[in-house]
Amino acid sequence: MALAPRAGRKPNTDSPQPLAEDRRLEQERREEAALLRDMDALLARYEKPLFNFVFQYLLDHAEAEDVTQETFIAAWKARDTFRGESKLNTWLYRIAQNQCKNRLKQRGRQREMEGYSLDAGLPGGDDDLAGTRDIADWSASPARVLEQKELGALINKAVDGLAPEYKVVLLLREMEGLAYTEIAQVTGLTMEAVKTRINRARAMVRQRVEPYLSP
């Protein structure tokens, strides 16, 4: 005699997506671990973006080359400590940021790099910054090439004048395209602090640039 199905028993409808995501993440971790065993491959993947970040931070081409090299050497020596708890690129940017800080201390330029104080208030408060556009949008005028170049130079000068604690988060976001969570991992800040500093940095740049945009 056939047995009747148990009352209340439902077929297994669990989605395979979580398992597929786990497999993808595991594959990504294996690939990143492999990169840390091959210096040539590591350089090919990350040398250019790391150099760009370091150069924008230090504003010195020769020093940027040195610090980029020091970053890869430090990463290579510490490769066995990488556990895959964060992405490889965020781990490398964190090392690069520390190397940049050390270089600034060595050359005694910390005072020169100071801009707005962390305690300085901004007109309108943080709530008014929510609609601040990304820096890249301000120069999006393909028909006005000369003005675009001039605006780019103004923006670069404004970014260069930011204090390091604002400059680093803005560079990681706008130039390197890191997510807020990745920037938090690189800098050791909370997500809220990352968002606040990025908003303030954008506002500072906008305040310095807008007087030149008036008709």
Foldseek 3Di string as FASTA:
>chain_A
DDDDDDPPDDDDPDDCVVVVVVVVLVVQVVVLLVCLVPLVSVCVVPLVVLLVLLCLLQVDNVVSVVLSVVLSVVCNVCVVVDDSPDHPVLVSLLSSLVSSVVVCVVVVCLVVLAADDPPDADPPGLVVLPPQDQPVVVLPDVVCVVVSVVLVVLLSVQLSNYRSVLNNLSCCCRVVPDDLVSSCSSVVHDSVVSVSSPSVSSVSSCVSRVVVVDD
